[in-house]
Amino acid sequence: MVDTKPLLPASNSDGSYLTGSRVNILKPIKVYLTIFCGLLAIGLFAALLIGNYWSDNARIHGSLATSTSKRTHPLRPVSRGPAQGVSEKTSGIWAGVSRGPTQGVSEKTNRVRAGVPWNILPEPWNSTMLEWQRTAFHFQPEKNWMNGPLFYNGWYHFFYQYNPNGAVWGDIVWGHAVSKDLINWFHLPLAMVADQWYDKNGVWTGSATILPDGKIVMLYTGSTTEAVQVQNLAFPANHSDPFLIDWVKYHGNPVLVPPPGIYKKDFRDPTTAWLTSEGKWRITIGSKRDKTGISLVYDTKDFINYEMLEGELHAVSGTGMWECVDFFPVSKTEEKGLDTSINGPEVKHVVKVSLDDDRHDYYALGTYHEKNGSWIPDLPEIDVGIGIRYDYGIFYASKTFYDQNKNRRVLWGWIGEGDSEAADMEKGWASLQSIPRTILFDNNTGTNLLQWPVEEIESLRLNSTEFEKVEVKAGSVVPLDVGPGSQLDIIAEFEMDKEALKKATGSNITFSCQTGGGAAKSGALGPFGILVLADESLSEQTPVYFYIAKDSDGDLKTFFCTDLSRSSKAPDVDKQIFGSYVPVLKDENLSLRVLVDHSIVESFAQGGRTVITSRIYPTEAIDGASRVFLFNNATETCVIASVKIWQMDSAFIRPYSDDDDKDDDDRKSSAPCLLLCPINYIVSCVTCLYFIYLVSKLS
């Protein structure tokens, strides 16, 4: 039946109809009010999003949280164009650089790889590949070539050797950066330049000491106009400046010159000073006599006048020149760092040296005798320079500092390049700094230090993917679907078949990572681990893996390795196999952590007992083509792997400007408003809905 009143308005309760004029008035009101409320809700929602944006970006102005909760916002990679930085050594206050026989000529200058001269950029390199190599969350200067740390007045300070004029060694001055969290950094103006006769040939490695009254003194090595290595004193022009922008060089420099019997070019890199029981400050400086590496000891009351102690802190024959000596205590009873001046029965002391002959950093644990200023290793067979290394990859000229802000000792190391100088020049930068690592004494072994990335790095974790109890059979490769593989934090644990360990045949052949054939060479109990920076076809891959060797007596020995032999198709990059023995105690599963940040991979085994840092230069396994796999090339055992992988955000590393102070103040003043945004949004939406309800009732 046809409706006879299809266009009639709704009736009142008495059956009459509203007039046409009343309906025409109410309809626009309802429409306009609905539109207004909708726009108001959208505006408030936009304000909420802006508030969250500022809250997220404000993290550079405060300490980073350590939450590991999932974050789903997209990656924000920093620019990696040729205008972005170069580095050599970086560490809050030391600034040493490699000074080989050529004294300032790049160590790459005379190197030829696979028949490719150092100054020719071969195929297949292109700008996309080279730009990908710039890291996202490791510290680098804005451009050119880079090579000590401290916490002062609320800021971490990092002074580093820097060449402002090119992507090679030379023209060394001190760069300077500050951070609230050791991850996000502001670049500041140069701290010191080579402008005096006593440092005209370079402002080299130095160390800062914070005095009891809170003031800072800086000792650094300068190379004079006659290429003599001398020690100089500097201090902040204004101790109330939290950024320590301006520095003053002592008018009486140099304060120390090479003593009799020490060659003029073998006297460098003063340490942070520590207090003796007599109230004197004590430092040590690296040197050598013939082929014996030594560490000279000096006492001072004012950092101007010095007394040289008889003998040395320590000496080891055959180790050559000692650079960047570090000396510090570690607690045997507590999991925290110690101030450099702490001593006593609950303490061991670490001596670390950088060997100029082989470009590696070695350490040993021992006992310090204050009276004569000497140090004795616990185990002479693993003495400094002949035993344990901080890192079995590319890692040099490291320096620790005591972070009184968090009661921890933090280690930095300079990470050089493994490509050609031609590639560095094309990129416009060279070298970077490791992720800062905490240092603790390993009570379980009694012979090792434990290195671990500082907790602040976890604030960059985004979404995570977990793989529980994955069976990786002998001879198999298992893909892990985690998305792009250029910025990752990976934690993995491997369980072995105990029966297979017992049944495996022993051998008298001595295994080493360097000579063991790499990840492609199968053995009874290895290799097995994880492939990073790999393309889908595995034509490029970087295995990080364990290998268990069993001798003829049935004893097991575990090795931790990184194989670069298939990491790149480019002919002008290093493709070594790095690694060493890692102590594994009874009932411990094998565990590793890997930080992947474009062209650098830092790997930690067994809680940081053994560490390997590698530089990787793939041509195909970049950007979205980079993948992650588990693999097992053992012949007599399967492994069970549990893996958790986080995508990693990019750090904020950029020049500081006066606007940053204003932006910080603006964010602080707007914080109450931003905090109320969610409440305002909800209240406004409810109000709008109420008004719409009232209008509908009136209609």
Foldseek 3Di string as FASTA:
>chain_A
DDDPPPPFADADPVRHGDDPVVVVVLVVVLVVLLVVLVVVLVVLVVLLVVLVVCVVVCCQVAAFDLDQDFFDDDFDADFQFLQFFAAAAKEQAWAAGQQPPVGFFFPQQCDDFPNHHQQDADPPDDRVLLSLQDFFFFDGGGFAHHHYWAAAPQKIKMWYWGDPPHNGTFQTFIWMWITNYLTFIATAPTAGGLDDQQAVRYFRTKEWEQDPVRFIKIWTWGQGPVRFTFIWIKGQPDSVPNRSRYMDTDPPPDLGGDDPQFDRNFWGHKEHWAADPVGWTKIWTWGAHPQKTFIWMWTHNPVRHIDTFPDGQDIDGRQHTWHLKYKAKAFLPDFFADARHDDDDRIWMKIWTQGSVPRFIFIWIFHADRVRNYTDGPDVCQHYRRHDTLAFAFWHSKYWHQHPVGRWIKIKTKGWFFFRVNSSRNSRYTTGMDQIWTWHQDNVVNIFIFTDHPSSQSSQFHRKDKDFFDWADAFHKFFDPDFAQQFKKKKKWKDWDPVLLQPFAAAQDDDDQQPNPHQQDEAQADWWAKWWLAFPVRQATKGWTKDWHAHNVSDIWIKTKIFQQRHAPGRGGDGTITIDTADDDPPDIWMKIWGHTRQWIWMAIPNHRHIYIGGGRYDQSGDRRITMMTHTNHDRIMMTMIMMMTGGHGHHYYHDDPVVVVSSVVSVVCVVVNVCSVVVSVVSSVVSVVVSVVSVVVD
